[in-house]
Each structure stands twice: as C-alpha cells, then as structure tokens.
Amino acid sequence: RAADDVADSDALSPEAKLARLAAMERALRAGDAAE
C-alpha cells in the first residue's frame, strides 16, 4: 500500500517515484531495520 502511494503521489516527479520505489525494494531485500 505504501509503495502504491508512492506511485500515485502528486508531490513526486516520475524520476523521484522511481528512485523511491528502487530504495523500497533494496530495503525489502535487505530487511533494513530502519525501514
């Protein structure tokens, strides 16, 4: 749901959305405790 909100955000540019989603994937795969 949070990732979908990133993709649907009207405050982020397409480039910022892609960067944010990529960071979310890295955090998920790593199990980043900060996220």
Full PDB file with SEQRES, HELIX, SHEET, SSBOND, CRYST1, ORIGX, SCALE, CONECT and MASTER records, all heavy atoms in Angstrom:
SEQRES   1 A   35  ARG ALA ALA ASP ASP VAL ALA ASP SER ASP ALA LEU SER          
SEQRES   2 A   35  PRO GLU ALA LYS LEU ALA ARG LEU ALA ALA MET GLU ARG          
SEQRES   3 A   35  ALA LEU ARG ALA GLY ASP ALA ALA GLU                          
HELIX    1 AA1 ALA A    2  ASP A    8  1                                   7    
HELIX    2 AA2 PRO A   14  ALA A   30  1                                  17    
CRYST1    1.000    1.000    1.000  90.00  90.00  90.00 P 1           1          
ORIGX1      1.000000  0.000000  0.000000        0.00000                         
ORIGX2      0.000000  1.000000  0.000000        0.00000                         
ORIGX3      0.000000  0.000000  1.000000        0.00000                         
SCALE1      1.000000  0.000000  0.000000        0.00000                         
SCALE2      0.000000  1.000000  0.000000        0.00000                         
SCALE3      0.000000  0.000000  1.000000        0.00000                         
ATOM      1  N   ARG A   1       0.830  -1.201   0.000  1.00  0.00           N  
ATOM      2  CA  ARG A   1       0.000   0.000   0.000  1.00  0.00           C  
ATOM      3  C   ARG A   1       0.871   1.260   0.000  1.00  0.00           C  
ATOM      4  O   ARG A   1       0.593   2.235  -0.719  1.00  0.00           O  
ATOM      5  CB  ARG A   1      -0.896  -0.015   1.236  1.00  0.00           C  
ATOM      6  CG  ARG A   1      -1.842   1.153   1.394  1.00  0.00           C  
ATOM      7  CD  ARG A   1      -2.995   1.070   0.448  1.00  0.00           C  
ATOM      8  NE  ARG A   1      -2.805   1.900  -0.718  1.00  0.00           N  
ATOM      9  CZ  ARG A   1      -3.573   1.875  -1.786  1.00  0.00           C  
ATOM     10  NH1 ARG A   1      -4.575   1.035  -1.861  1.00  0.00           N  
ATOM     11  NH2 ARG A   1      -3.316   2.663  -2.802  1.00  0.00           N  
ATOM     12  N   ALA A   2       1.946   1.244   0.794  1.00  0.00           N  
ATOM     13  CA  ALA A   2       2.853   2.391   0.838  1.00  0.00           C  
ATOM     14  C   ALA A   2       3.540   2.597  -0.504  1.00  0.00           C  
ATOM     15  O   ALA A   2       3.703   3.735  -0.966  1.00  0.00           O  
ATOM     16  CB  ALA A   2       3.881   2.192   1.949  1.00  0.00           C  
ATOM     17  N   ALA A   3       3.936   1.493  -1.131  1.00  0.00           N  
ATOM     18  CA  ALA A   3       4.578   1.603  -2.448  1.00  0.00           C  
ATOM     19  C   ALA A   3       3.604   2.140  -3.484  1.00  0.00           C  
ATOM     20  O   ALA A   3       3.963   2.969  -4.336  1.00  0.00           O  
ATOM     21  CB  ALA A   3       5.116   0.243  -2.870  1.00  0.00           C  
ATOM     22  N   ASP A   4       2.354   1.692  -3.403  1.00  0.00           N  
ATOM     23  CA  ASP A   4       1.334   2.189  -4.327  1.00  0.00           C  
ATOM     24  C   ASP A   4       1.127   3.692  -4.121  1.00  0.00           C  
ATOM     25  O   ASP A   4       0.920   4.450  -5.079  1.00  0.00           O  
ATOM     26  CB  ASP A   4       0.035   1.422  -4.092  1.00  0.00           C  
ATOM     27  CG  ASP A   4      -0.974   1.634  -5.209  1.00  0.00           C  
ATOM     28  OD1 ASP A   4      -0.569   1.889  -6.342  1.00  0.00           O  
ATOM     29  OD2 ASP A   4      -2.180   1.529  -4.936  1.00  0.00           O  
ATOM     30  N   ASP A   5       1.186   4.136  -2.863  1.00  0.00           N  
ATOM     31  CA  ASP A   5       1.042   5.563  -2.583  1.00  0.00           C  
ATOM     32  C   ASP A   5       2.183   6.368  -3.201  1.00  0.00           C  
ATOM     33  O   ASP A   5       1.981   7.505  -3.646  1.00  0.00           O  
ATOM     34  CB  ASP A   5       0.999   5.805  -1.077  1.00  0.00           C  
ATOM     35  CG  ASP A   5      -0.316   5.377  -0.448  1.00  0.00           C  
ATOM     36  OD1 ASP A   5      -1.282   5.122  -1.210  1.00  0.00           O  
ATOM     37  OD2 ASP A   5      -0.388   5.274   0.788  1.00  0.00           O  
ATOM     38  N   VAL A   6       3.368   5.800  -3.220  1.00  0.00           N  
ATOM     39  CA  VAL A   6       4.489   6.475  -3.878  1.00  0.00           C  
ATOM     40  C   VAL A   6       4.188   6.646  -5.372  1.00  0.00           C  
ATOM     41  O   VAL A   6       4.335   7.736  -5.936  1.00  0.00           O  
ATOM     42  CB  VAL A   6       5.798   5.679  -3.688  1.00  0.00           C  
ATOM     43  CG1 VAL A   6       6.912   6.229  -4.588  1.00  0.00           C  
ATOM     44  CG2 VAL A   6       6.230   5.711  -2.234  1.00  0.00           C  
ATOM     45  N   ALA A   7       3.760   5.566  -6.013  1.00  0.00           N  
ATOM     46  CA  ALA A   7       3.475   5.618  -7.448  1.00  0.00           C  
ATOM     47  C   ALA A   7       2.347   6.597  -7.758  1.00  0.00           C  
ATOM     48  O   ALA A   7       2.327   7.202  -8.841  1.00  0.00           O  
ATOM     49  CB  ALA A   7       3.128   4.227  -7.968  1.00  0.00           C  
ATOM     50  N   ASP A   8       1.428   6.780  -6.818  1.00  0.00           N  
ATOM     51  CA  ASP A   8       0.264   7.643  -7.037  1.00  0.00           C  
ATOM     52  C   ASP A   8       0.457   9.062  -6.502  1.00  0.00           C  
ATOM     53  O   ASP A   8      -0.450   9.888  -6.616  1.00  0.00           O  
ATOM     54  CB  ASP A   8      -0.976   7.029  -6.370  1.00  0.00           C  
ATOM     55  CG  ASP A   8      -1.450   5.772  -7.068  1.00  0.00           C  
ATOM     56  OD1 ASP A   8      -0.926   5.452  -8.147  1.00  0.00           O  
ATOM     57  OD2 ASP A   8      -2.344   5.087  -6.518  1.00  0.00           O  
ATOM     58  N   SER A   9       1.603   9.352  -5.923  1.00  0.00           N  
ATOM     59  CA  SER A   9       1.818  10.653  -5.301  1.00  0.00           C  
ATOM     60  C   SER A   9       1.810  11.783  -6.327  1.00  0.00           C  
ATOM     61  O   SER A   9       2.432  11.676  -7.390  1.00  0.00           O  
ATOM     62  CB  SER A   9       3.161  10.656  -4.562  1.00  0.00           C  
ATOM     63  OG  SER A   9       3.470  11.958  -4.109  1.00  0.00           O  
ATOM     64  N   ASP A  10       1.121  12.875  -5.997  1.00  0.00           N  
ATOM     65  CA  ASP A  10       1.134  14.042  -6.875  1.00  0.00           C  
ATOM     66  C   ASP A  10       2.242  15.028  -6.479  1.00  0.00           C  
ATOM     67  O   ASP A  10       2.387  16.092  -7.082  1.00  0.00           O  
ATOM     68  CB  ASP A  10      -0.223  14.744  -6.867  1.00  0.00           C  
ATOM     69  CG  ASP A  10      -0.646  15.190  -5.467  1.00  0.00           C  
ATOM     70  OD1 ASP A  10       0.147  15.023  -4.515  1.00  0.00           O  
ATOM     71  OD2 ASP A  10      -1.773  15.708  -5.337  1.00  0.00           O  
ATOM     72  N   ALA A  11       3.024  14.664  -5.444  1.00  0.00           N  
ATOM     73  CA  ALA A  11       4.099  15.540  -4.985  1.00  0.00           C  
ATOM     74  C   ALA A  11       5.465  15.098  -5.487  1.00  0.00           C  
ATOM     75  O   ALA A  11       6.466  15.777  -5.238  1.00  0.00           O  
ATOM     76  CB  ALA A  11       4.098  15.582  -3.452  1.00  0.00           C  
ATOM     77  N   LEU A  12       5.509  13.967  -6.152  1.00  0.00           N  
ATOM     78  CA  LEU A  12       6.789  13.426  -6.626  1.00  0.00           C  
ATOM     79  C   LEU A  12       6.827  13.404  -8.144  1.00  0.00           C  
ATOM     80  O   LEU A  12       5.817  13.109  -8.797  1.00  0.00           O  
ATOM     81  CB  LEU A  12       6.993  12.003  -6.102  1.00  0.00           C  
ATOM     82  CG  LEU A  12       7.107  11.821  -4.583  1.00  0.00           C  
ATOM     83  CD1 LEU A  12       7.141  10.335  -4.242  1.00  0.00           C  
ATOM     84  CD2 LEU A  12       8.346  12.515  -4.048  1.00  0.00           C  
ATOM     85  N   SER A  13       7.991  13.690  -8.711  1.00  0.00           N  
ATOM     86  CA  SER A  13       8.192  13.556 -10.151  1.00  0.00           C  
ATOM     87  C   SER A  13       8.327  12.089 -10.495  1.00  0.00           C  
ATOM     88  O   SER A  13       8.593  11.258  -9.611  1.00  0.00           O  
ATOM     89  CB  SER A  13       9.457  14.292 -10.572  1.00  0.00           C  
ATOM     90  OG  SER A  13      10.598  13.623 -10.040  1.00  0.00           O  
ATOM     91  N   PRO A  14       8.154  11.720 -11.778  1.00  0.00           N  
ATOM     92  CA  PRO A  14       8.374  10.317 -12.148  1.00  0.00           C  
ATOM     93  C   PRO A  14       9.746   9.809 -11.733  1.00  0.00           C  
ATOM     94  O   PRO A  14       9.877   8.671 -11.261  1.00  0.00           O  
ATOM     95  CB  PRO A  14       8.208  10.338 -13.669  1.00  0.00           C  
ATOM     96  CG  PRO A  14       7.277  11.478 -13.918  1.00  0.00           C  
ATOM     97  CD  PRO A  14       7.644  12.514 -12.912  1.00  0.00           C  
ATOM     98  N   GLU A  15      10.761  10.640 -11.881  1.00  0.00           N  
ATOM     99  CA  GLU A  15      12.119  10.214 -11.512  1.00  0.00           C  
ATOM    100  C   GLU A  15      12.225   9.976 -10.013  1.00  0.00           C  
ATOM    101  O   GLU A  15      12.857   9.001  -9.555  1.00  0.00           O  
ATOM    102  CB  GLU A  15      13.130  11.281 -11.947  1.00  0.00           C  
ATOM    103  CG  GLU A  15      13.254  11.469 -13.448  1.00  0.00           C  
ATOM    104  CD  GLU A  15      12.089  12.241 -14.058  1.00  0.00           C  
ATOM    105  OE1 GLU A  15      11.343  12.931 -13.300  1.00  0.00           O  
ATOM    106  OE2 GLU A  15      11.919  12.150 -15.286  1.00  0.00           O  
ATOM    107  N   ALA A  16      11.599  10.850  -9.219  1.00  0.00           N  
ATOM    108  CA  ALA A  16      11.638  10.681  -7.769  1.00  0.00           C  
ATOM    109  C   ALA A  16      10.863   9.428  -7.349  1.00  0.00           C  
ATOM    110  O   ALA A  16      11.258   8.712  -6.425  1.00  0.00           O  
ATOM    111  CB  ALA A  16      11.063  11.920  -7.087  1.00  0.00           C  
ATOM    112  N   LYS A  17       9.753   9.164  -8.022  1.00  0.00           N  
ATOM    113  CA  LYS A  17       8.988   7.945  -7.727  1.00  0.00           C  
ATOM    114  C   LYS A  17       9.830   6.705  -7.992  1.00  0.00           C  
ATOM    115  O   LYS A  17       9.864   5.778  -7.173  1.00  0.00           O  
ATOM    116  CB  LYS A  17       7.717   7.902  -8.566  1.00  0.00           C  
ATOM    117  CG  LYS A  17       6.675   8.944  -8.204  1.00  0.00           C  
ATOM    118  CD  LYS A  17       5.461   8.850  -9.140  1.00  0.00           C  
ATOM    119  CE  LYS A  17       4.424   9.903  -8.800  1.00  0.00           C  
ATOM    120  NZ  LYS A  17       3.242   9.841  -9.691  1.00  0.00           N  
ATOM    121  N   LEU A  18      10.503   6.679  -9.135  1.00  0.00           N  
ATOM    122  CA  LEU A  18      11.320   5.515  -9.479  1.00  0.00           C  
ATOM    123  C   LEU A  18      12.442   5.322  -8.460  1.00  0.00           C  
ATOM    124  O   LEU A  18      12.742   4.192  -8.053  1.00  0.00           O  
ATOM    125  CB  LEU A  18      11.897   5.679 -10.881  1.00  0.00           C  
ATOM    126  CG  LEU A  18      10.876   5.643 -12.027  1.00  0.00           C  
ATOM    127  CD1 LEU A  18      11.553   5.946 -13.358  1.00  0.00           C  
ATOM    128  CD2 LEU A  18      10.184   4.295 -12.098  1.00  0.00           C  
ATOM    129  N   ALA A  19      13.059   6.431  -8.035  1.00  0.00           N  
ATOM    130  CA  ALA A  19      14.129   6.333  -7.050  1.00  0.00           C  
ATOM    131  C   ALA A  19      13.591   5.820  -5.714  1.00  0.00           C  
ATOM    132  O   ALA A  19      14.205   4.974  -5.054  1.00  0.00           O  
ATOM    133  CB  ALA A  19      14.784   7.701  -6.861  1.00  0.00           C  
ATOM    134  N   ARG A  20      12.446   6.333  -5.313  1.00  0.00           N  
ATOM    135  CA  ARG A  20      11.854   5.916  -4.051  1.00  0.00           C  
ATOM    136  C   ARG A  20      11.475   4.433  -4.088  1.00  0.00           C  
ATOM    137  O   ARG A  20      11.698   3.688  -3.134  1.00  0.00           O  
ATOM    138  CB  ARG A  20      10.631   6.785  -3.756  1.00  0.00           C  
ATOM    139  CG  ARG A  20      10.001   6.583  -2.396  1.00  0.00           C  
ATOM    140  CD  ARG A  20      10.867   7.177  -1.285  1.00  0.00           C  
ATOM    141  NE  ARG A  20      11.074   8.592  -1.468  1.00  0.00           N  
ATOM    142  CZ  ARG A  20      10.245   9.547  -1.067  1.00  0.00           C  
ATOM    143  NH1 ARG A  20       9.110   9.209  -0.479  1.00  0.00           N  
ATOM    144  NH2 ARG A  20      10.537  10.816  -1.231  1.00  0.00           N  
ATOM    145  N   LEU A  21      10.877   3.976  -5.192  1.00  0.00           N  
ATOM    146  CA  LEU A  21      10.484   2.569  -5.304  1.00  0.00           C  
ATOM    147  C   LEU A  21      11.705   1.654  -5.324  1.00  0.00           C  
ATOM    148  O   LEU A  21      11.685   0.557  -4.753  1.00  0.00           O  
ATOM    149  CB  LEU A  21       9.627   2.368  -6.549  1.00  0.00           C  
ATOM    150  CG  LEU A  21       8.235   3.024  -6.502  1.00  0.00           C  
ATOM    151  CD1 LEU A  21       7.586   3.009  -7.883  1.00  0.00           C  
ATOM    152  CD2 LEU A  21       7.339   2.326  -5.484  1.00  0.00           C  
ATOM    153  N   ALA A  22      12.773   2.096  -5.992  1.00  0.00           N  
ATOM    154  CA  ALA A  22      14.004   1.295  -6.000  1.00  0.00           C  
ATOM    155  C   ALA A  22      14.576   1.171  -4.595  1.00  0.00           C  
ATOM    156  O   ALA A  22      15.052   0.102  -4.183  1.00  0.00           O  
ATOM    157  CB  ALA A  22      15.026   1.921  -6.945  1.00  0.00           C  
ATOM    158  N   ALA A  23      14.522   2.269  -3.825  1.00  0.00           N  
ATOM    159  CA  ALA A  23      15.014   2.227  -2.452  1.00  0.00           C  
ATOM    160  C   ALA A  23      14.163   1.302  -1.593  1.00  0.00           C  
ATOM    161  O   ALA A  23      14.680   0.597  -0.717  1.00  0.00           O  
ATOM    162  CB  ALA A  23      15.015   3.644  -1.875  1.00  0.00           C  
ATOM    163  N   MET A  24      12.861   1.301  -1.832  1.00  0.00           N  
ATOM    164  CA  MET A  24      11.989   0.399  -1.092  1.00  0.00           C  
ATOM    165  C   MET A  24      12.325  -1.053  -1.376  1.00  0.00           C  
ATOM    166  O   MET A  24      12.317  -1.899  -0.473  1.00  0.00           O  
ATOM    167  CB  MET A  24      10.526   0.685  -1.437  1.00  0.00           C  
ATOM    168  CG  MET A  24      10.005   2.009  -0.929  1.00  0.00           C  
ATOM    169  SD  MET A  24       8.231   2.261  -1.249  1.00  0.00           S  
ATOM    170  CE  MET A  24       7.497   1.181  -0.018  1.00  0.00           C  
ATOM    171  N   GLU A  25      12.636  -1.352  -2.633  1.00  0.00           N  
ATOM    172  CA  GLU A  25      12.990  -2.737  -2.963  1.00  0.00           C  
ATOM    173  C   GLU A  25      14.301  -3.128  -2.286  1.00  0.00           C  
ATOM    174  O   GLU A  25      14.417  -4.249  -1.759  1.00  0.00           O  
ATOM    175  CB  GLU A  25      13.094  -2.920  -4.476  1.00  0.00           C  
ATOM    176  CG  GLU A  25      13.439  -4.353  -4.846  1.00  0.00           C  
ATOM    177  CD  GLU A  25      13.281  -4.671  -6.325  1.00  0.00           C  
ATOM    178  OE1 GLU A  25      12.737  -3.825  -7.066  1.00  0.00           O  
ATOM    179  OE2 GLU A  25      13.714  -5.771  -6.730  1.00  0.00           O  
ATOM    180  N   ARG A  26      15.276  -2.234  -2.284  1.00  0.00           N  
ATOM    181  CA  ARG A  26      16.546  -2.551  -1.620  1.00  0.00           C  
ATOM    182  C   ARG A  26      16.327  -2.794  -0.130  1.00  0.00           C  
ATOM    183  O   ARG A  26      16.873  -3.742   0.448  1.00  0.00           O  
ATOM    184  CB  ARG A  26      17.547  -1.409  -1.830  1.00  0.00           C  
ATOM    185  CG  ARG A  26      18.062  -1.284  -3.257  1.00  0.00           C  
ATOM    186  CD  ARG A  26      19.275  -0.371  -3.323  1.00  0.00           C  
ATOM    187  NE  ARG A  26      18.951   1.004  -2.930  1.00  0.00           N  
ATOM    188  CZ  ARG A  26      18.513   1.940  -3.758  1.00  0.00           C  
ATOM    189  NH1 ARG A  26      18.350   1.654  -5.049  1.00  0.00           N  
ATOM    190  NH2 ARG A  26      18.258   3.167  -3.321  1.00  0.00           N  
ATOM    191  N   ALA A  27      15.499  -1.941   0.477  1.00  0.00           N  
ATOM    192  CA  ALA A  27      15.232  -2.098   1.904  1.00  0.00           C  
ATOM    193  C   ALA A  27      14.516  -3.415   2.186  1.00  0.00           C  
ATOM    194  O   ALA A  27      14.795  -4.098   3.179  1.00  0.00           O  
ATOM    195  CB  ALA A  27      14.397  -0.923   2.401  1.00  0.00           C  
ATOM    196  N   LEU A  28      13.601  -3.788   1.306  1.00  0.00           N  
ATOM    197  CA  LEU A  28      12.860  -5.039   1.496  1.00  0.00           C  
ATOM    198  C   LEU A  28      13.790  -6.234   1.378  1.00  0.00           C  
ATOM    199  O   LEU A  28      13.748  -7.151   2.215  1.00  0.00           O  
ATOM    200  CB  LEU A  28      11.739  -5.135   0.457  1.00  0.00           C  
ATOM    201  CG  LEU A  28      10.950  -6.452   0.436  1.00  0.00           C  
ATOM    202  CD1 LEU A  28      10.253  -6.680   1.765  1.00  0.00           C  
ATOM    203  CD2 LEU A  28       9.937  -6.442  -0.702  1.00  0.00           C  
ATOM    204  N   ARG A  29      14.609  -6.248   0.364  1.00  0.00           N  
ATOM    205  CA  ARG A  29      15.500  -7.401   0.167  1.00  0.00           C  
ATOM    206  C   ARG A  29      16.525  -7.516   1.288  1.00  0.00           C  
ATOM    207  O   ARG A  29      16.913  -8.625   1.672  1.00  0.00           O  
ATOM    208  CB  ARG A  29      16.175  -7.302  -1.191  1.00  0.00           C  
ATOM    209  CG  ARG A  29      15.204  -7.491  -2.370  1.00  0.00           C  
ATOM    210  CD  ARG A  29      15.936  -7.625  -3.694  1.00  0.00           C  
ATOM    211  NE  ARG A  29      15.028  -7.771  -4.821  1.00  0.00           N  
ATOM    212  CZ  ARG A  29      14.434  -8.904  -5.185  1.00  0.00           C  
ATOM    213  NH1 ARG A  29      14.657 -10.012  -4.472  1.00  0.00           N  
ATOM    214  NH2 ARG A  29      13.628  -8.953  -6.226  1.00  0.00           N  
ATOM    215  N   ALA A  30      16.942  -6.363   1.824  1.00  0.00           N  
ATOM    216  CA  ALA A  30      17.958  -6.373   2.884  1.00  0.00           C  
ATOM    217  C   ALA A  30      17.355  -6.541   4.265  1.00  0.00           C  
ATOM    218  O   ALA A  30      18.078  -6.850   5.230  1.00  0.00           O  
ATOM    219  CB  ALA A  30      18.760  -5.073   2.825  1.00  0.00           C  
ATOM    220  N   GLY A  31      16.039  -6.310   4.389  1.00  0.00           N  
ATOM    221  CA  GLY A  31      15.429  -6.341   5.714  1.00  0.00           C  
ATOM    222  C   GLY A  31      15.899  -5.187   6.574  1.00  0.00           C  
ATOM    223  O   GLY A  31      16.134  -5.346   7.776  1.00  0.00           O  
ATOM    224  N   ASP A  32      16.051  -4.027   5.973  1.00  0.00           N  
ATOM    225  CA  ASP A  32      16.589  -2.834   6.629  1.00  0.00           C  
ATOM    226  C   ASP A  32      15.742  -2.461   7.843  1.00  0.00           C  
ATOM    227  O   ASP A  32      14.577  -2.070   7.713  1.00  0.00           O  
ATOM    228  CB  ASP A  32      16.612  -1.681   5.619  1.00  0.00           C  
ATOM    229  CG  ASP A  32      17.342  -0.455   6.140  1.00  0.00           C  
ATOM    230  OD1 ASP A  32      17.583  -0.388   7.360  1.00  0.00           O  
ATOM    231  OD2 ASP A  32      17.662   0.434   5.324  1.00  0.00           O  
ATOM    232  N   ALA A  33      16.329  -2.543   9.025  1.00  0.00           N  
ATOM    233  CA  ALA A  33      15.593  -2.249  10.263  1.00  0.00           C  
ATOM    234  C   ALA A  33      15.166  -0.797  10.353  1.00  0.00           C  
ATOM    235  O   ALA A  33      14.249  -0.461  11.118  1.00  0.00           O  
ATOM    236  CB  ALA A  33      16.449  -2.616  11.470  1.00  0.00           C  
ATOM    237  N   ALA A  34      15.844   0.080   9.590  1.00  0.00           N  
ATOM    238  CA  ALA A  34      15.475   1.498   9.603  1.00  0.00           C  
ATOM    239  C   ALA A  34      14.194   1.770   8.825  1.00  0.00           C  
ATOM    240  O   ALA A  34      13.660   2.879   8.879  1.00  0.00           O  
ATOM    241  CB  ALA A  34      16.619   2.344   9.029  1.00  0.00           C  
ATOM    242  N   GLU A  35      13.736   0.764   8.086  1.00  0.00           N  
ATOM    243  CA  GLU A  35      12.509   0.904   7.292  1.00  0.00           C  
ATOM    244  C   GLU A  35      11.475  -0.092   7.830  1.00  0.00           C  
ATOM    245  O   GLU A  35      11.462  -1.262   7.461  1.00  0.00           O  
ATOM    246  CB  GLU A  35      12.792   0.622   5.810  1.00  0.00           C  
ATOM    247  CG  GLU A  35      13.890   1.479   5.209  1.00  0.00           C  
ATOM    248  CD  GLU A  35      13.540   2.955   5.232  1.00  0.00           C  
ATOM    249  OE1 GLU A  35      12.333   3.283   5.333  1.00  0.00           O  
ATOM    250  OE2 GLU A  35      14.446   3.789   5.160  1.00  0.00           O  
TER     251      GLU A  35                                                      
MASTER        0    0    0    2    0    0    0    6  250    1    0    3          
END                                                                             
